[in-house]
Amino acid sequence: MKIDRIIEEMHQSGLESLFVLKSENIAYITGFKPSSTAVLIITNEPLLFSTKLDIEAAKSQSCVPVEEFKSLEKLKKKFKDNLKGKMGIENSMTVKTHAKICEDFKTVPNDIVERFRMSKSKSEIKKIKEAIKIAEDSFKKTDPSHFSGSEDELAAKLEYNMRKAGSVQTPFETIVASGPRSSLPHASSSSQKLENPLIIDWGASYQNYVSDITRSIIKNKKEEEILSILLDAQKEAIKIIKPGIKASHVDNVVRGIIEEYGYGKYFLHSTGHGVGLEVHEKPSLSAQSDEKLEKGMVVTIEPGIYLEGRIGLRVEDMILIKNRAKILTNLPRKSFFNNE
């Protein structure tokens, strides 16, 4: 079982317990994703503490026993009476939370759960594929290349279609940026009427697992030239991906191709990232990453070129790492703007 492997890793790291607060980590371990405060303590006998708001759902969904989270003081007393030795805490724990709860323990920051989450099981991959299908079907139904209206209206229509298709929520704010605003990599949509080029970055969720896709819709030769560079860089990255390769090497290959065309300084972000319970999770496909790619990882490959105040283009696809890279996303990577 998943939790048994985590306990084994915890003991190998010299930890007597593991304190888990992050909702995605709790969902990964127990099968229940809290909507309010929850604390999972992993020992040889794990226990999940949930507030009254969630306790009914927690008891029906969690694979570990559940108790009610009544107060911070009672929780701290229970910990002090029952937990000994080193306690592992998540790297994401805030200083304020640590001061409130963990002051009586010798704590060790770690990423044990996040490292387990990097390699996806067959069940997880199936859920990610469903999140991709919802996103792609909704995109086709929205038909952005023929859409007349504003960026806000396009984002709203796409999100409506995803909700209607079964995405309980969107995992991140849908990015719709057109014309000069397309040079902003993470622009929020605006009331501006759609212009060319058009970047759309969106995703859906299915049973807590998410998708992340970007498409650029173009109109003229210059935009087509830049998009072709991105597609070339993405193709070469996908070609070299295999288990054991450094994530930083993938980034170097993509960056190198874009530099060859003279646009190196206009590639403003890393090549990609892991996707699963979160839209951005380990591994990072960046120049600074020391991680190696492994079988079962799901990552994005998303080269982009952004010419400030003029145009920006990005193409993003999701990849499953097997013996080689398997592309999970299916939408055409080149389409032309035609809303006149």
C-alpha atoms as a PDB file:
ATOM      1  CA  MET A   1       0.000   0.000   0.000  1.00  0.00           C
ATOM      2  CA  LYS A   2       1.013   3.608  -0.656  1.00  0.00           C
ATOM      3  CA  ILE A   3       1.018   4.579   3.006  1.00  0.00           C
ATOM      4  CA  ASP A   4       3.185   1.580   3.945  1.00  0.00           C
ATOM      5  CA  ARG A   5       5.860   2.733   1.478  1.00  0.00           C
ATOM      6  CA  ILE A   6       5.716   6.260   2.913  1.00  0.00           C
ATOM      7  CA  ILE A   7       6.114   4.913   6.474  1.00  0.00           C
ATOM      8  CA  GLU A   8       9.083   2.825   5.340  1.00  0.00           C
ATOM      9  CA  GLU A   9      10.716   5.870   3.717  1.00  0.00           C
ATOM     10  CA  MET A  10       9.954   7.923   6.817  1.00  0.00           C
ATOM     11  CA  HIS A  11      11.732   5.408   9.071  1.00  0.00           C
ATOM     12  CA  GLN A  12      14.705   5.197   6.694  1.00  0.00           C
ATOM     13  CA  SER A  13      15.011   8.976   7.065  1.00  0.00           C
ATOM     14  CA  GLY A  14      15.145   8.641  10.854  1.00  0.00           C
ATOM     15  CA  LEU A  15      11.662  10.074  11.427  1.00  0.00           C
ATOM     16  CA  GLU A  16       9.246   8.730  14.033  1.00  0.00           C
ATOM     17  CA  SER A  17       6.290  10.664  12.626  1.00  0.00           C
ATOM     18  CA  LEU A  18       5.247  12.775   9.651  1.00  0.00           C
ATOM     19  CA  PHE A  19       3.044  15.855  10.018  1.00  0.00           C
ATOM     20  CA  VAL A  20       0.988  16.502   6.858  1.00  0.00           C
ATOM     21  CA  LEU A  21      -1.059  19.677   6.307  1.00  0.00           C
ATOM     22  CA  LYS A  22      -1.121  20.214   2.550  1.00  0.00           C
ATOM     23  CA  SER A  23      -4.516  19.206   1.167  1.00  0.00           C
ATOM     24  CA  GLU A  24      -3.042  17.604  -1.976  1.00  0.00           C
ATOM     25  CA  ASN A  25      -0.697  15.470   0.128  1.00  0.00           C
ATOM     26  CA  ILE A  26      -3.569  14.408   2.384  1.00  0.00           C
ATOM     27  CA  ALA A  27      -5.612  13.508  -0.714  1.00  0.00           C
ATOM     28  CA  TYR A  28      -2.726  11.496  -2.162  1.00  0.00           C
ATOM     29  CA  ILE A  29      -2.264   9.453   1.016  1.00  0.00           C
ATOM     30  CA  THR A  30      -5.833   9.023   2.285  1.00  0.00           C
ATOM     31  CA  GLY A  31      -8.065   9.421  -0.793  1.00  0.00           C
ATOM     32  CA  PHE A  32      -9.876  12.326   0.883  1.00  0.00           C
ATOM     33  CA  LYS A  33      -9.191  15.959  -0.073  1.00  0.00           C
ATOM     34  CA  PRO A  34     -10.178  18.333   2.747  1.00  0.00           C
ATOM     35  CA  SER A  35     -12.023  21.572   2.082  1.00  0.00           C
ATOM     36  CA  SER A  36     -11.092  23.019   5.472  1.00  0.00           C
ATOM     37  CA  THR A  37      -8.360  22.534   8.073  1.00  0.00           C
ATOM     38  CA  ALA A  38      -7.131  18.958   8.367  1.00  0.00           C
ATOM     39  CA  VAL A  39      -4.058  17.350   9.898  1.00  0.00           C
ATOM     40  CA  LEU A  40      -2.693  13.934   9.017  1.00  0.00           C
ATOM     41  CA  ILE A  41      -0.211  12.372  11.421  1.00  0.00           C
ATOM     42  CA  ILE A  42       1.669   9.432   9.963  1.00  0.00           C
ATOM     43  CA  THR A  43       3.117   6.931  12.423  1.00  0.00           C
ATOM     44  CA  ASN A  44       2.815   3.157  12.400  1.00  0.00           C
ATOM     45  CA  GLU A  45      -0.852   3.914  13.130  1.00  0.00           C
ATOM     46  CA  PRO A  46      -1.759   6.954  10.976  1.00  0.00           C
ATOM     47  CA  LEU A  47      -4.595   9.245  12.022  1.00  0.00           C
ATOM     48  CA  LEU A  48      -6.448  12.025  10.183  1.00  0.00           C
ATOM     49  CA  PHE A  49      -7.933  14.939  12.114  1.00  0.00           C
ATOM     50  CA  SER A  50     -10.800  16.702  10.332  1.00  0.00           C
ATOM     51  CA  THR A  51     -13.138  19.557  11.274  1.00  0.00           C
ATOM     52  CA  LYS A  52     -16.905  19.066  11.585  1.00  0.00           C
ATOM     53  CA  LEU A  53     -17.301  20.618   8.117  1.00  0.00           C
ATOM     54  CA  ASP A  54     -15.512  17.682   6.501  1.00  0.00           C
ATOM     55  CA  ILE A  55     -15.751  14.825   8.954  1.00  0.00           C
ATOM     56  CA  GLU A  56     -18.653  12.998   7.290  1.00  0.00           C
ATOM     57  CA  ALA A  57     -16.891  12.981   3.915  1.00  0.00           C
ATOM     58  CA  ALA A  58     -13.552  12.183   5.545  1.00  0.00           C
ATOM     59  CA  LYS A  59     -14.896   9.108   7.313  1.00  0.00           C
ATOM     60  CA  SER A  60     -16.452   7.792   4.102  1.00  0.00           C
ATOM     61  CA  GLN A  61     -13.454   8.467   1.840  1.00  0.00           C
ATOM     62  CA  SER A  62     -10.294   8.247   3.939  1.00  0.00           C
ATOM     63  CA  CYS A  63      -8.310   5.006   4.032  1.00  0.00           C
ATOM     64  CA  VAL A  64      -6.955   5.913   7.483  1.00  0.00           C
ATOM     65  CA  PRO A  65      -8.955   6.378  10.714  1.00  0.00           C
ATOM     66  CA  VAL A  66     -10.507   9.819  11.273  1.00  0.00           C
ATOM     67  CA  GLU A  67     -10.975  11.854  14.444  1.00  0.00           C
ATOM     68  CA  GLU A  68     -12.552  15.267  14.866  1.00  0.00           C
ATOM     69  CA  PHE A  69     -10.233  18.274  14.987  1.00  0.00           C
ATOM     70  CA  LYS A  70     -11.676  20.134  17.983  1.00  0.00           C
ATOM     71  CA  SER A  71      -9.017  22.658  18.935  1.00  0.00           C
ATOM     72  CA  LEU A  72      -5.369  23.401  18.406  1.00  0.00           C
ATOM     73  CA  GLU A  73      -4.605  23.028  22.108  1.00  0.00           C
ATOM     74  CA  LYS A  74      -6.160  19.554  22.298  1.00  0.00           C
ATOM     75  CA  LEU A  75      -4.291  18.501  19.171  1.00  0.00           C
ATOM     76  CA  LYS A  76      -0.966  19.742  20.577  1.00  0.00           C
ATOM     77  CA  LYS A  77      -1.586  17.895  23.857  1.00  0.00           C
ATOM     78  CA  LYS A  78      -2.363  14.671  22.013  1.00  0.00           C
ATOM     79  CA  PHE A  79       0.835  15.019  20.013  1.00  0.00           C
ATOM     80  CA  LYS A  80       2.912  15.743  23.116  1.00  0.00           C
ATOM     81  CA  ASP A  81       1.517  12.710  24.949  1.00  0.00           C
ATOM     82  CA  ASN A  82       1.915  10.272  22.059  1.00  0.00           C
ATOM     83  CA  LEU A  83       4.638  11.400  19.661  1.00  0.00           C
ATOM     84  CA  LYS A  84       8.328  10.987  20.400  1.00  0.00           C
ATOM     85  CA  GLY A  85      11.509  11.414  18.370  1.00  0.00           C
ATOM     86  CA  LYS A  86      11.979  13.417  15.175  1.00  0.00           C
ATOM     87  CA  MET A  87       8.890  14.704  13.366  1.00  0.00           C
ATOM     88  CA  GLY A  88       8.965  15.265   9.619  1.00  0.00           C
ATOM     89  CA  ILE A  89       7.217  18.393   8.384  1.00  0.00           C
ATOM     90  CA  GLU A  90       6.434  19.552   4.852  1.00  0.00           C
ATOM     91  CA  ASN A  91       8.743  22.102   3.247  1.00  0.00           C
ATOM     92  CA  SER A  92       5.640  24.202   2.597  1.00  0.00           C
ATOM     93  CA  MET A  93       4.783  24.612   6.290  1.00  0.00           C
ATOM     94  CA  THR A  94       4.792  28.285   7.288  1.00  0.00           C
ATOM     95  CA  VAL A  95       6.882  29.644  10.150  1.00  0.00           C
ATOM     96  CA  LYS A  96       3.676  30.772  11.875  1.00  0.00           C
ATOM     97  CA  THR A  97       2.122  27.291  11.738  1.00  0.00           C
ATOM     98  CA  HIS A  98       5.350  25.700  12.937  1.00  0.00           C
ATOM     99  CA  ALA A  99       5.473  28.052  15.920  1.00  0.00           C
ATOM    100  CA  LYS A 100       1.862  27.249  16.828  1.00  0.00           C
ATOM    101  CA  ILE A 101       1.989  23.463  16.598  1.00  0.00           C
ATOM    102  CA  CYS A 102       5.515  22.078  16.427  1.00  0.00           C
ATOM    103  CA  GLU A 103       7.460  24.085  19.000  1.00  0.00           C
ATOM    104  CA  ASP A 104       7.700  21.089  21.377  1.00  0.00           C
ATOM    105  CA  PHE A 105       9.169  18.746  18.755  1.00  0.00           C
ATOM    106  CA  LYS A 106      12.419  18.287  16.921  1.00  0.00           C
ATOM    107  CA  THR A 107      11.245  18.816  13.351  1.00  0.00           C
ATOM    108  CA  VAL A 108      12.888  17.947  10.037  1.00  0.00           C
ATOM    109  CA  PRO A 109      11.624  19.609   6.814  1.00  0.00           C
ATOM    110  CA  ASN A 110      11.245  17.081   3.992  1.00  0.00           C
ATOM    111  CA  ASP A 111       9.526  16.345   0.672  1.00  0.00           C
ATOM    112  CA  ILE A 112       8.852  12.625   1.154  1.00  0.00           C
ATOM    113  CA  VAL A 113       5.222  12.766   0.013  1.00  0.00           C
ATOM    114  CA  GLU A 114       5.957  15.080  -2.933  1.00  0.00           C
ATOM    115  CA  ARG A 115       8.662  12.692  -4.166  1.00  0.00           C
ATOM    116  CA  PHE A 116       6.227   9.767  -4.066  1.00  0.00           C
ATOM    117  CA  ARG A 117       3.693  11.861  -5.966  1.00  0.00           C
ATOM    118  CA  MET A 118       6.077  12.392  -8.909  1.00  0.00           C
ATOM    119  CA  SER A 119       5.570   8.907 -10.374  1.00  0.00           C
ATOM    120  CA  LYS A 120       1.926   8.261 -11.218  1.00  0.00           C
ATOM    121  CA  SER A 121       0.069   4.965 -10.858  1.00  0.00           C
ATOM    122  CA  LYS A 122      -2.203   3.580 -13.589  1.00  0.00           C
ATOM    123  CA  SER A 123      -5.199   4.913 -11.670  1.00  0.00           C
ATOM    124  CA  GLU A 124      -3.704   8.398 -11.445  1.00  0.00           C
ATOM    125  CA  ILE A 125      -2.799   8.431 -15.146  1.00  0.00           C
ATOM    126  CA  LYS A 126      -6.359   7.434 -16.019  1.00  0.00           C
ATOM    127  CA  LYS A 127      -7.707  10.413 -14.046  1.00  0.00           C
ATOM    128  CA  ILE A 128      -5.220  12.793 -15.668  1.00  0.00           C
ATOM    129  CA  LYS A 129      -6.264  11.535 -19.103  1.00  0.00           C
ATOM    130  CA  GLU A 130      -9.890  12.226 -18.235  1.00  0.00           C
ATOM    131  CA  ALA A 131      -8.969  15.767 -17.113  1.00  0.00           C
ATOM    132  CA  ILE A 132      -7.233  16.224 -20.480  1.00  0.00           C
ATOM    133  CA  LYS A 133     -10.263  14.928 -22.377  1.00  0.00           C
ATOM    134  CA  ILE A 134     -12.597  17.331 -20.578  1.00  0.00           C
ATOM    135  CA  ALA A 135     -10.273  20.261 -21.328  1.00  0.00           C
ATOM    136  CA  GLU A 136      -9.800  19.357 -24.982  1.00  0.00           C
ATOM    137  CA  ASP A 137     -13.466  18.570 -25.693  1.00  0.00           C
ATOM    138  CA  SER A 138     -14.452  21.873 -24.074  1.00  0.00           C
ATOM    139  CA  PHE A 139     -11.871  23.765 -26.140  1.00  0.00           C
ATOM    140  CA  LYS A 140     -13.228  22.284 -29.371  1.00  0.00           C
ATOM    141  CA  LYS A 141     -16.777  23.104 -28.335  1.00  0.00           C
ATOM    142  CA  THR A 142     -15.783  26.703 -27.527  1.00  0.00           C
ATOM    143  CA  ASP A 143     -13.970  26.992 -30.904  1.00  0.00           C
ATOM    144  CA  PRO A 144     -11.725  29.985 -30.042  1.00  0.00           C
ATOM    145  CA  SER A 145     -10.478  30.496 -33.617  1.00  0.00           C
ATOM    146  CA  HIS A 146     -14.020  31.502 -34.650  1.00  0.00           C
ATOM    147  CA  PHE A 147     -14.977  33.232 -31.387  1.00  0.00           C
ATOM    148  CA  SER A 148     -16.232  36.830 -31.550  1.00  0.00           C
ATOM    149  CA  GLY A 149     -16.108  38.719 -28.275  1.00  0.00           C
ATOM    150  CA  SER A 150     -13.734  39.653 -25.484  1.00  0.00           C
ATOM    151  CA  GLU A 151     -10.988  37.743 -23.700  1.00  0.00           C
ATOM    152  CA  ASP A 152     -13.186  37.564 -20.594  1.00  0.00           C
ATOM    153  CA  GLU A 153     -16.098  36.149 -22.576  1.00  0.00           C
ATOM    154  CA  LEU A 154     -13.912  33.476 -24.177  1.00  0.00           C
ATOM    155  CA  ALA A 155     -12.453  32.458 -20.801  1.00  0.00           C
ATOM    156  CA  ALA A 156     -15.944  32.309 -19.257  1.00  0.00           C
ATOM    157  CA  LYS A 157     -17.330  30.216 -22.129  1.00  0.00           C
ATOM    158  CA  LEU A 158     -14.428  27.758 -21.950  1.00  0.00           C
ATOM    159  CA  GLU A 159     -14.730  27.402 -18.178  1.00  0.00           C
ATOM    160  CA  TYR A 160     -18.515  26.949 -18.477  1.00  0.00           C
ATOM    161  CA  ASN A 161     -18.026  24.160 -21.006  1.00  0.00           C
ATOM    162  CA  MET A 162     -15.488  22.437 -18.738  1.00  0.00           C
ATOM    163  CA  ARG A 163     -17.808  22.614 -15.747  1.00  0.00           C
ATOM    164  CA  LYS A 164     -20.628  21.260 -17.845  1.00  0.00           C
ATOM    165  CA  ALA A 165     -18.393  18.400 -19.038  1.00  0.00           C
ATOM    166  CA  GLY A 166     -17.543  17.302 -15.493  1.00  0.00           C
ATOM    167  CA  SER A 167     -14.694  19.480 -14.222  1.00  0.00           C
ATOM    168  CA  VAL A 168     -15.718  20.252 -10.645  1.00  0.00           C
ATOM    169  CA  GLN A 169     -13.513  23.340 -10.760  1.00  0.00           C
ATOM    170  CA  THR A 170     -10.736  24.825 -12.856  1.00  0.00           C
ATOM    171  CA  PRO A 171      -7.300  24.096 -11.362  1.00  0.00           C
ATOM    172  CA  PHE A 172      -6.077  27.615 -12.199  1.00  0.00           C
ATOM    173  CA  GLU A 173      -7.387  30.838 -13.669  1.00  0.00           C
ATOM    174  CA  THR A 174      -7.856  30.404 -17.405  1.00  0.00           C
ATOM    175  CA  ILE A 175      -5.402  32.591 -19.317  1.00  0.00           C
ATOM    176  CA  VAL A 176      -6.753  34.312 -22.417  1.00  0.00           C
ATOM    177  CA  ALA A 177      -4.425  37.003 -23.773  1.00  0.00           C
ATOM    178  CA  SER A 178      -4.544  38.472 -27.260  1.00  0.00           C
ATOM    179  CA  GLY A 179      -2.794  41.097 -29.367  1.00  0.00           C
ATOM    180  CA  PRO A 180      -0.010  42.958 -27.514  1.00  0.00           C
ATOM    181  CA  ARG A 181      -1.202  41.437 -24.214  1.00  0.00           C
ATOM    182  CA  SER A 182      -0.121  37.998 -25.459  1.00  0.00           C
ATOM    183  CA  SER A 183       3.466  38.962 -24.539  1.00  0.00           C
ATOM    184  CA  LEU A 184       2.479  38.642 -20.847  1.00  0.00           C
ATOM    185  CA  PRO A 185       3.120  34.937 -20.048  1.00  0.00           C
ATOM    186  CA  HIS A 186       0.635  34.796 -17.154  1.00  0.00           C
ATOM    187  CA  ALA A 187      -1.827  37.512 -18.111  1.00  0.00           C
ATOM    188  CA  SER A 188      -5.343  37.420 -16.701  1.00  0.00           C
ATOM    189  CA  SER A 189      -8.073  37.779 -19.296  1.00  0.00           C
ATOM    190  CA  SER A 190      -9.500  41.254 -19.848  1.00  0.00           C
ATOM    191  CA  SER A 191     -12.520  42.985 -21.371  1.00  0.00           C
ATOM    192  CA  GLN A 192     -10.443  43.621 -24.497  1.00  0.00           C
ATOM    193  CA  LYS A 193     -11.912  42.371 -27.761  1.00  0.00           C
ATOM    194  CA  LEU A 194      -9.953  39.434 -29.163  1.00  0.00           C
ATOM    195  CA  GLU A 195      -7.040  40.274 -31.430  1.00  0.00           C
ATOM    196  CA  ASN A 196      -4.313  38.203 -33.006  1.00  0.00           C
ATOM    197  CA  PRO A 197      -2.284  36.396 -31.865  1.00  0.00           C
ATOM    198  CA  LEU A 198      -4.265  34.658 -29.152  1.00  0.00           C
ATOM    199  CA  ILE A 199      -2.840  32.569 -26.277  1.00  0.00           C
ATOM    200  CA  ILE A 200      -5.141  30.302 -24.288  1.00  0.00           C
ATOM    201  CA  ASP A 201      -3.771  28.412 -21.262  1.00  0.00           C
ATOM    202  CA  TRP A 202      -6.391  26.298 -19.522  1.00  0.00           C
ATOM    203  CA  GLY A 203      -7.032  23.067 -17.672  1.00  0.00           C
ATOM    204  CA  ALA A 204      -9.722  20.884 -16.157  1.00  0.00           C
ATOM    205  CA  SER A 205      -9.902  18.715 -13.057  1.00  0.00           C
ATOM    206  CA  TYR A 206     -11.223  15.191 -12.610  1.00  0.00           C
ATOM    207  CA  GLN A 207     -11.358  13.429  -9.230  1.00  0.00           C
ATOM    208  CA  ASN A 208      -8.704  15.840  -7.879  1.00  0.00           C
ATOM    209  CA  TYR A 209      -6.309  15.338 -10.842  1.00  0.00           C
ATOM    210  CA  VAL A 210      -5.737  18.123 -13.339  1.00  0.00           C
ATOM    211  CA  SER A 211      -4.665  18.995 -16.867  1.00  0.00           C
ATOM    212  CA  ASP A 212      -2.677  21.955 -18.226  1.00  0.00           C
ATOM    213  CA  ILE A 213      -2.643  22.853 -21.936  1.00  0.00           C
ATOM    214  CA  THR A 214      -1.725  25.941 -23.959  1.00  0.00           C
ATOM    215  CA  ARG A 215      -2.543  26.755 -27.562  1.00  0.00           C
ATOM    216  CA  SER A 216      -1.687  29.837 -29.627  1.00  0.00           C
ATOM    217  CA  ILE A 217      -3.954  30.923 -32.442  1.00  0.00           C
ATOM    218  CA  ILE A 218      -2.171  32.899 -35.139  1.00  0.00           C
ATOM    219  CA  LYS A 219      -3.001  34.960 -38.211  1.00  0.00           C
ATOM    220  CA  ASN A 220       0.071  36.191 -40.095  1.00  0.00           C
ATOM    221  CA  LYS A 221       3.425  34.945 -41.413  1.00  0.00           C
ATOM    222  CA  LYS A 222       5.491  36.369 -38.537  1.00  0.00           C
ATOM    223  CA  GLU A 223       3.347  34.595 -35.964  1.00  0.00           C
ATOM    224  CA  GLU A 224       3.522  31.369 -37.969  1.00  0.00           C
ATOM    225  CA  GLU A 225       7.307  31.649 -38.123  1.00  0.00           C
ATOM    226  CA  ILE A 226       7.596  32.017 -34.328  1.00  0.00           C
ATOM    227  CA  LEU A 227       5.131  29.212 -33.652  1.00  0.00           C
ATOM    228  CA  SER A 228       7.111  26.925 -35.981  1.00  0.00           C
ATOM    229  CA  ILE A 229      10.234  27.593 -33.886  1.00  0.00           C
ATOM    230  CA  LEU A 230       8.358  26.616 -30.727  1.00  0.00           C
ATOM    231  CA  LEU A 231       7.007  23.453 -32.332  1.00  0.00           C
ATOM    232  CA  ASP A 232      10.504  22.526 -33.484  1.00  0.00           C
ATOM    233  CA  ALA A 233      11.899  23.033 -29.971  1.00  0.00           C
ATOM    234  CA  GLN A 234       9.051  21.065 -28.407  1.00  0.00           C
ATOM    235  CA  LYS A 235       9.469  18.200 -30.890  1.00  0.00           C
ATOM    236  CA  GLU A 236      13.195  17.883 -30.102  1.00  0.00           C
ATOM    237  CA  ALA A 237      12.509  17.877 -26.356  1.00  0.00           C
ATOM    238  CA  ILE A 238       9.914  15.130 -26.665  1.00  0.00           C
ATOM    239  CA  LYS A 239      12.312  13.130 -28.831  1.00  0.00           C
ATOM    240  CA  ILE A 240      15.057  13.023 -26.162  1.00  0.00           C
ATOM    241  CA  ILE A 241      12.846  12.399 -23.121  1.00  0.00           C
ATOM    242  CA  LYS A 242      13.371   9.020 -21.457  1.00  0.00           C
ATOM    243  CA  PRO A 243      13.855   7.646 -17.929  1.00  0.00           C
ATOM    244  CA  GLY A 244      17.154   8.696 -16.384  1.00  0.00           C
ATOM    245  CA  ILE A 245      17.643  11.882 -18.374  1.00  0.00           C
ATOM    246  CA  LYS A 246      18.174  15.070 -16.378  1.00  0.00           C
ATOM    247  CA  ALA A 247      15.259  17.490 -16.356  1.00  0.00           C
ATOM    248  CA  SER A 248      17.750  20.319 -16.852  1.00  0.00           C
ATOM    249  CA  HIS A 249      18.991  18.704 -20.079  1.00  0.00           C
ATOM    250  CA  VAL A 250      15.479  18.875 -21.571  1.00  0.00           C
ATOM    251  CA  ASP A 251      15.370  22.571 -20.726  1.00  0.00           C
ATOM    252  CA  ASN A 252      18.819  23.080 -22.270  1.00  0.00           C
ATOM    253  CA  VAL A 253      17.745  21.431 -25.540  1.00  0.00           C
ATOM    254  CA  VAL A 254      14.622  23.589 -25.851  1.00  0.00           C
ATOM    255  CA  ARG A 255      16.476  26.750 -24.886  1.00  0.00           C
ATOM    256  CA  GLY A 256      19.302  25.946 -27.295  1.00  0.00           C
ATOM    257  CA  ILE A 257      16.982  25.612 -30.296  1.00  0.00           C
ATOM    258  CA  ILE A 258      15.182  28.862 -29.500  1.00  0.00           C
ATOM    259  CA  GLU A 259      18.570  30.578 -29.116  1.00  0.00           C
ATOM    260  CA  GLU A 260      19.686  29.249 -32.520  1.00  0.00           C
ATOM    261  CA  TYR A 261      16.806  31.163 -34.090  1.00  0.00           C
ATOM    262  CA  GLY A 262      17.813  34.337 -32.245  1.00  0.00           C
ATOM    263  CA  TYR A 263      14.980  34.401 -29.698  1.00  0.00           C
ATOM    264  CA  GLY A 264      16.798  33.037 -26.630  1.00  0.00           C
ATOM    265  CA  LYS A 265      16.292  36.111 -24.449  1.00  0.00           C
ATOM    266  CA  TYR A 266      12.562  36.041 -25.199  1.00  0.00           C
ATOM    267  CA  PHE A 267      12.019  32.594 -23.633  1.00  0.00           C
ATOM    268  CA  LEU A 268      11.119  33.792 -20.139  1.00  0.00           C
ATOM    269  CA  HIS A 269      10.250  30.664 -18.158  1.00  0.00           C
ATOM    270  CA  SER A 270      11.265  27.037 -17.675  1.00  0.00           C
ATOM    271  CA  THR A 271      10.449  24.334 -20.223  1.00  0.00           C
ATOM    272  CA  GLY A 272       7.913  22.492 -18.087  1.00  0.00           C
ATOM    273  CA  HIS A 273       6.778  20.977 -14.811  1.00  0.00           C
ATOM    274  CA  GLY A 274       5.061  17.979 -13.309  1.00  0.00           C
ATOM    275  CA  VAL A 275       1.256  17.766 -13.266  1.00  0.00           C
ATOM    276  CA  GLY A 276      -0.982  15.639 -11.059  1.00  0.00           C
ATOM    277  CA  LEU A 277      -2.950  16.653  -7.987  1.00  0.00           C
ATOM    278  CA  GLU A 278      -1.486  20.128  -8.543  1.00  0.00           C
ATOM    279  CA  VAL A 279      -0.980  21.966 -11.791  1.00  0.00           C
ATOM    280  CA  HIS A 280       2.640  22.696 -10.808  1.00  0.00           C
ATOM    281  CA  GLU A 281       4.435  19.953  -8.937  1.00  0.00           C
ATOM    282  CA  LYS A 282       7.719  18.041  -9.055  1.00  0.00           C
ATOM    283  CA  PRO A 283       9.729  17.637 -11.234  1.00  0.00           C
ATOM    284  CA  SER A 284      10.725  21.043 -12.605  1.00  0.00           C
ATOM    285  CA  LEU A 285      12.102  21.038 -16.144  1.00  0.00           C
ATOM    286  CA  SER A 286      14.342  24.031 -15.605  1.00  0.00           C
ATOM    287  CA  ALA A 287      18.017  24.862 -16.045  1.00  0.00           C
ATOM    288  CA  GLN A 288      18.494  24.724 -12.249  1.00  0.00           C
ATOM    289  CA  SER A 289      16.819  21.334 -11.717  1.00  0.00           C
ATOM    290  CA  ASP A 290      18.959  18.426 -10.500  1.00  0.00           C
ATOM    291  CA  GLU A 291      16.089  15.926 -10.830  1.00  0.00           C
ATOM    292  CA  LYS A 292      16.107  12.983 -13.215  1.00  0.00           C
ATOM    293  CA  LEU A 293      13.029  11.944 -15.151  1.00  0.00           C
ATOM    294  CA  GLU A 294      11.469   8.606 -14.240  1.00  0.00           C
ATOM    295  CA  LYS A 295       8.833   6.245 -15.612  1.00  0.00           C
ATOM    296  CA  GLY A 296       5.331   7.268 -14.619  1.00  0.00           C
ATOM    297  CA  MET A 297       6.005  10.995 -14.438  1.00  0.00           C
ATOM    298  CA  VAL A 298       3.572  13.320 -16.209  1.00  0.00           C
ATOM    299  CA  VAL A 299       5.156  16.603 -17.290  1.00  0.00           C
ATOM    300  CA  THR A 300       4.474  19.550 -19.559  1.00  0.00           C
ATOM    301  CA  ILE A 301       6.682  20.746 -22.396  1.00  0.00           C
ATOM    302  CA  GLU A 302       5.825  24.404 -22.978  1.00  0.00           C
ATOM    303  CA  PRO A 303       8.304  26.579 -24.884  1.00  0.00           C
ATOM    304  CA  GLY A 304       7.305  30.209 -25.389  1.00  0.00           C
ATOM    305  CA  ILE A 305       8.554  33.371 -27.055  1.00  0.00           C
ATOM    306  CA  TYR A 306       7.402  36.783 -25.802  1.00  0.00           C
ATOM    307  CA  LEU A 307       8.212  40.018 -27.623  1.00  0.00           C
ATOM    308  CA  GLU A 308       7.337  42.741 -25.110  1.00  0.00           C
ATOM    309  CA  GLY A 309       4.363  44.865 -26.089  1.00  0.00           C
ATOM    310  CA  ARG A 310       4.030  43.116 -29.448  1.00  0.00           C
ATOM    311  CA  ILE A 311       3.255  39.405 -29.504  1.00  0.00           C
ATOM    312  CA  GLY A 312       3.688  36.279 -27.409  1.00  0.00           C
ATOM    313  CA  LEU A 313       3.221  32.639 -28.364  1.00  0.00           C
ATOM    314  CA  ARG A 314       3.376  29.415 -26.355  1.00  0.00           C
ATOM    315  CA  VAL A 315       2.513  25.777 -27.006  1.00  0.00           C
ATOM    316  CA  GLU A 316       2.074  23.373 -24.095  1.00  0.00           C
ATOM    317  CA  ASP A 317       1.451  19.646 -24.153  1.00  0.00           C
ATOM    318  CA  MET A 318       1.353  16.987 -21.454  1.00  0.00           C
ATOM    319  CA  ILE A 319       3.730  14.043 -21.668  1.00  0.00           C
ATOM    320  CA  LEU A 320       3.752  10.656 -19.917  1.00  0.00           C
ATOM    321  CA  ILE A 321       7.221   9.209 -19.459  1.00  0.00           C
ATOM    322  CA  LYS A 322       7.375   5.509 -20.292  1.00  0.00           C
ATOM    323  CA  ASN A 323      10.410   3.986 -22.022  1.00  0.00           C
ATOM    324  CA  ARG A 324      10.079   7.097 -24.165  1.00  0.00           C
ATOM    325  CA  ALA A 325       7.793  10.104 -24.072  1.00  0.00           C
ATOM    326  CA  LYS A 326       4.120   9.516 -24.816  1.00  0.00           C
ATOM    327  CA  ILE A 327       2.122  12.614 -25.759  1.00  0.00           C
ATOM    328  CA  LEU A 328      -1.177  12.670 -23.858  1.00  0.00           C
ATOM    329  CA  THR A 329      -2.668  15.806 -25.411  1.00  0.00           C
ATOM    330  CA  ASN A 330      -4.249  15.581 -28.858  1.00  0.00           C
ATOM    331  CA  LEU A 331      -5.376  19.028 -30.022  1.00  0.00           C
ATOM    332  CA  PRO A 332      -3.768  20.430 -33.205  1.00  0.00           C
ATOM    333  CA  ARG A 333      -0.727  22.547 -32.326  1.00  0.00           C
ATOM    334  CA  LYS A 334      -1.197  25.073 -35.123  1.00  0.00           C
ATOM    335  CA  SER A 335      -4.452  26.878 -35.855  1.00  0.00           C
ATOM    336  CA  PHE A 336      -5.351  30.171 -37.448  1.00  0.00           C
ATOM    337  CA  PHE A 337      -7.499  33.009 -36.148  1.00  0.00           C
ATOM    338  CA  ASN A 338     -10.722  33.406 -38.138  1.00  0.00           C
ATOM    339  CA  ASN A 339     -13.434  35.290 -36.251  1.00  0.00           C
ATOM    340  CA  GLU A 340     -14.287  37.794 -38.962  1.00  0.00           C
END
